[in-house]
Amino acid sequence: MDRVYTHKQKQRIRLMKLREIRIAQRITHAELAARANVSVATLSNVERGTHRPSVETMIAVAKALDMGLADIDEFAQRLVV
């Protein structure tokens, strides 16, 4: 039986996928935080799903990863149905 995720759970999983993308690109927390102009603590909390970032923060992080928000969402959607 497939697991059914709530909207909130799906959103948290999407945010946590940023870590996998960052690691795949071999970028450190400090480097990505500097590129996105956010604190390392904020980025860490976003990756753990304990902080819900603003749209501006997500756009900055996506740009720093050379991705769009849709790319990040698509990556996460392949993992969570």
N, C-alpha and C. Protein backbone atom coordinates (compact mmCIF):
# COMPACT_ATOMS: atom_id res chain seq x y z
N MET A 1 0.84 -1.18 0.00
CA MET A 1 0.00 0.00 0.00
C MET A 1 0.89 1.24 0.00
N ASP A 2 0.61 2.18 -0.89
CA ASP A 2 1.38 3.41 -0.98
C ASP A 2 1.08 4.31 0.20
N ARG A 3 2.12 4.98 0.65
CA ARG A 3 1.96 5.90 1.76
C ARG A 3 1.34 7.19 1.24
N VAL A 4 0.42 7.74 2.00
CA VAL A 4 -0.22 8.99 1.65
C VAL A 4 0.37 10.08 2.54
N TYR A 5 0.92 11.13 1.91
CA TYR A 5 1.53 12.23 2.63
C TYR A 5 0.57 13.41 2.68
N THR A 6 0.56 14.11 3.79
CA THR A 6 -0.20 15.34 3.88
C THR A 6 0.54 16.44 3.13
N HIS A 7 -0.13 17.53 2.85
CA HIS A 7 0.50 18.66 2.16
C HIS A 7 1.70 19.15 2.95
N LYS A 8 1.57 19.24 4.25
CA LYS A 8 2.66 19.73 5.11
C LYS A 8 3.85 18.78 5.05
N GLN A 9 3.60 17.48 5.06
CA GLN A 9 4.69 16.50 4.96
C GLN A 9 5.39 16.60 3.61
N LYS A 10 4.63 16.75 2.54
CA LYS A 10 5.23 16.89 1.21
C LYS A 10 6.09 18.15 1.14
N GLN A 11 5.60 19.23 1.71
CA GLN A 11 6.36 20.48 1.71
C GLN A 11 7.67 20.31 2.46
N ARG A 12 7.63 19.66 3.60
CA ARG A 12 8.85 19.44 4.39
C ARG A 12 9.84 18.58 3.62
N ILE A 13 9.36 17.54 2.96
CA ILE A 13 10.23 16.67 2.18
C ILE A 13 10.87 17.45 1.05
N ARG A 14 10.12 18.32 0.39
CA ARG A 14 10.68 19.14 -0.70
C ARG A 14 11.83 19.99 -0.18
N LEU A 15 11.63 20.61 0.96
CA LEU A 15 12.69 21.44 1.53
C LEU A 15 13.92 20.62 1.88
N MET A 16 13.70 19.43 2.42
CA MET A 16 14.80 18.58 2.82
C MET A 16 15.60 18.08 1.61
N LYS A 17 15.01 18.06 0.43
CA LYS A 17 15.70 17.61 -0.77
C LYS A 17 16.79 18.60 -1.18
N LEU A 18 16.72 19.82 -0.69
CA LEU A 18 17.77 20.79 -0.97
C LEU A 18 19.14 20.25 -0.56
N ARG A 19 19.18 19.55 0.55
CA ARG A 19 20.44 18.97 1.03
C ARG A 19 21.01 18.01 -0.01
N GLU A 20 20.16 17.13 -0.54
CA GLU A 20 20.63 16.17 -1.53
C GLU A 20 21.14 16.87 -2.78
N ILE A 21 20.46 17.92 -3.19
CA ILE A 21 20.89 18.68 -4.37
C ILE A 21 22.23 19.35 -4.08
N ARG A 22 22.35 19.96 -2.90
CA ARG A 22 23.59 20.65 -2.52
C ARG A 22 24.76 19.68 -2.50
N ILE A 23 24.56 18.53 -1.91
CA ILE A 23 25.62 17.52 -1.82
C ILE A 23 25.98 17.00 -3.21
N ALA A 24 24.98 16.78 -4.04
CA ALA A 24 25.24 16.30 -5.40
C ALA A 24 26.11 17.30 -6.18
N GLN A 25 25.94 18.58 -5.88
CA GLN A 25 26.73 19.61 -6.54
C GLN A 25 28.05 19.88 -5.81
N ARG A 26 28.29 19.15 -4.74
CA ARG A 26 29.52 19.29 -3.94
C ARG A 26 29.72 20.71 -3.43
N ILE A 27 28.66 21.23 -2.85
CA ILE A 27 28.69 22.59 -2.29
C ILE A 27 28.51 22.46 -0.78
N THR A 28 29.32 23.18 -0.03
CA THR A 28 29.20 23.16 1.44
C THR A 28 28.06 24.07 1.89
N HIS A 29 27.64 23.88 3.14
CA HIS A 29 26.65 24.78 3.72
C HIS A 29 27.11 26.23 3.61
N ALA A 30 28.35 26.46 4.02
CA ALA A 30 28.88 27.82 4.04
C ALA A 30 28.90 28.44 2.64
N GLU A 31 29.30 27.66 1.66
CA GLU A 31 29.36 28.17 0.29
C GLU A 31 27.97 28.51 -0.25
N LEU A 32 27.02 27.61 -0.05
CA LEU A 32 25.65 27.87 -0.54
C LEU A 32 25.03 29.04 0.20
N ALA A 33 25.24 29.09 1.50
CA ALA A 33 24.69 30.20 2.29
C ALA A 33 25.24 31.54 1.79
N ALA A 34 26.54 31.57 1.50
CA ALA A 34 27.16 32.81 0.99
C ALA A 34 26.59 33.18 -0.37
N ARG A 35 26.46 32.19 -1.24
CA ARG A 35 25.91 32.43 -2.59
C ARG A 35 24.48 32.96 -2.52
N ALA A 36 23.70 32.42 -1.58
CA ALA A 36 22.28 32.79 -1.47
C ALA A 36 22.06 33.98 -0.54
N ASN A 37 23.13 34.43 0.12
CA ASN A 37 23.05 35.54 1.06
C ASN A 37 22.08 35.25 2.22
N VAL A 38 22.21 34.03 2.76
CA VAL A 38 21.45 33.64 3.95
C VAL A 38 22.45 33.08 4.96
N SER A 39 22.04 32.97 6.20
CA SER A 39 22.95 32.42 7.21
C SER A 39 23.05 30.90 7.06
N VAL A 40 24.16 30.37 7.52
CA VAL A 40 24.35 28.92 7.51
C VAL A 40 23.27 28.26 8.37
N ALA A 41 22.94 28.88 9.49
CA ALA A 41 21.91 28.32 10.38
C ALA A 41 20.57 28.24 9.67
N THR A 42 20.20 29.29 8.94
CA THR A 42 18.94 29.28 8.20
C THR A 42 18.94 28.16 7.18
N LEU A 43 20.02 28.06 6.40
CA LEU A 43 20.10 27.02 5.39
C LEU A 43 20.02 25.63 6.02
N SER A 44 20.71 25.43 7.10
CA SER A 44 20.69 24.15 7.80
C SER A 44 19.28 23.80 8.27
N ASN A 45 18.61 24.78 8.84
CA ASN A 45 17.23 24.56 9.32
C ASN A 45 16.27 24.27 8.17
N VAL A 46 16.46 24.93 7.05
CA VAL A 46 15.62 24.66 5.88
C VAL A 46 15.85 23.23 5.40
N GLU A 47 17.10 22.83 5.31
CA GLU A 47 17.42 21.47 4.85
C GLU A 47 16.85 20.41 5.78
N ARG A 48 16.80 20.69 7.06
CA ARG A 48 16.25 19.72 8.02
C ARG A 48 14.73 19.78 8.07
N GLY A 49 14.16 20.79 7.44
CA GLY A 49 12.71 20.91 7.44
C GLY A 49 12.15 21.52 8.71
N THR A 50 13.01 22.17 9.50
CA THR A 50 12.55 22.77 10.75
C THR A 50 12.27 24.26 10.60
N HIS A 51 12.54 24.80 9.41
CA HIS A 51 12.30 26.23 9.15
C HIS A 51 11.63 26.35 7.79
N ARG A 52 10.55 27.10 7.75
CA ARG A 52 9.85 27.33 6.49
C ARG A 52 10.35 28.65 5.92
N PRO A 53 11.12 28.60 4.85
CA PRO A 53 11.72 29.81 4.31
C PRO A 53 10.73 30.67 3.54
N SER A 54 11.07 31.93 3.40
CA SER A 54 10.26 32.83 2.59
C SER A 54 10.46 32.48 1.12
N VAL A 55 9.58 32.97 0.28
CA VAL A 55 9.72 32.76 -1.16
C VAL A 55 11.03 33.37 -1.64
N GLU A 56 11.38 34.53 -1.11
CA GLU A 56 12.62 35.21 -1.50
C GLU A 56 13.84 34.35 -1.18
N THR A 57 13.82 33.74 -0.01
CA THR A 57 14.93 32.87 0.39
C THR A 57 15.02 31.67 -0.54
N MET A 58 13.89 31.07 -0.84
CA MET A 58 13.89 29.90 -1.72
C MET A 58 14.38 30.27 -3.12
N ILE A 59 14.00 31.43 -3.62
CA ILE A 59 14.47 31.87 -4.93
C ILE A 59 15.99 32.06 -4.90
N ALA A 60 16.49 32.69 -3.84
CA ALA A 60 17.93 32.92 -3.71
C ALA A 60 18.70 31.60 -3.63
N VAL A 61 18.19 30.64 -2.88
CA VAL A 61 18.85 29.34 -2.76
C VAL A 61 18.80 28.60 -4.11
N ALA A 62 17.66 28.64 -4.76
CA ALA A 62 17.53 27.98 -6.07
C ALA A 62 18.51 28.58 -7.07
N LYS A 63 18.60 29.91 -7.10
CA LYS A 63 19.54 30.56 -8.02
C LYS A 63 20.98 30.18 -7.67
N ALA A 64 21.28 30.11 -6.39
CA ALA A 64 22.64 29.74 -5.95
C ALA A 64 22.98 28.31 -6.37
N LEU A 65 21.97 27.47 -6.53
CA LEU A 65 22.17 26.09 -6.99
C LEU A 65 22.06 25.98 -8.51
N ASP A 66 21.91 27.12 -9.18
CA ASP A 66 21.70 27.15 -10.64
C ASP A 66 20.48 26.35 -11.04
N MET A 67 19.42 26.50 -10.25
CA MET A 67 18.16 25.81 -10.51
C MET A 67 17.02 26.81 -10.34
N GLY A 68 15.88 26.43 -10.84
CA GLY A 68 14.67 27.19 -10.58
C GLY A 68 13.88 26.50 -9.50
N LEU A 69 12.90 27.19 -8.94
CA LEU A 69 12.06 26.56 -7.92
C LEU A 69 11.35 25.34 -8.49
N ALA A 70 10.95 25.41 -9.74
CA ALA A 70 10.27 24.27 -10.36
C ALA A 70 11.19 23.06 -10.46
N ASP A 71 12.48 23.31 -10.70
CA ASP A 71 13.45 22.20 -10.77
C ASP A 71 13.57 21.49 -9.44
N ILE A 72 13.62 22.26 -8.37
CA ILE A 72 13.72 21.68 -7.02
C ILE A 72 12.46 20.89 -6.71
N ASP A 73 11.31 21.46 -7.04
CA ASP A 73 10.04 20.79 -6.79
C ASP A 73 9.94 19.51 -7.61
N GLU A 74 10.37 19.55 -8.86
CA GLU A 74 10.34 18.37 -9.71
C GLU A 74 11.23 17.27 -9.15
N PHE A 75 12.42 17.63 -8.68
CA PHE A 75 13.33 16.68 -8.07
C PHE A 75 12.66 15.98 -6.88
N ALA A 76 12.01 16.77 -6.04
CA ALA A 76 11.35 16.21 -4.86
C ALA A 76 10.14 15.37 -5.24
N GLN A 77 9.41 15.80 -6.25
CA GLN A 77 8.20 15.07 -6.66
C GLN A 77 8.54 13.66 -7.16
N ARG A 78 9.72 13.49 -7.75
CA ARG A 78 10.10 12.15 -8.21
C ARG A 78 10.29 11.21 -7.03
N LEU A 79 10.54 11.77 -5.86
CA LEU A 79 10.79 10.96 -4.67
C LEU A 79 9.54 10.79 -3.81
N VAL A 80 8.59 11.71 -3.96
CA VAL A 80 7.37 11.67 -3.15
C VAL A 80 6.17 11.76 -4.08
N VAL A 81 5.36 10.74 -4.09
CA VAL A 81 4.17 10.75 -4.94
C VAL A 81 2.95 11.03 -4.11
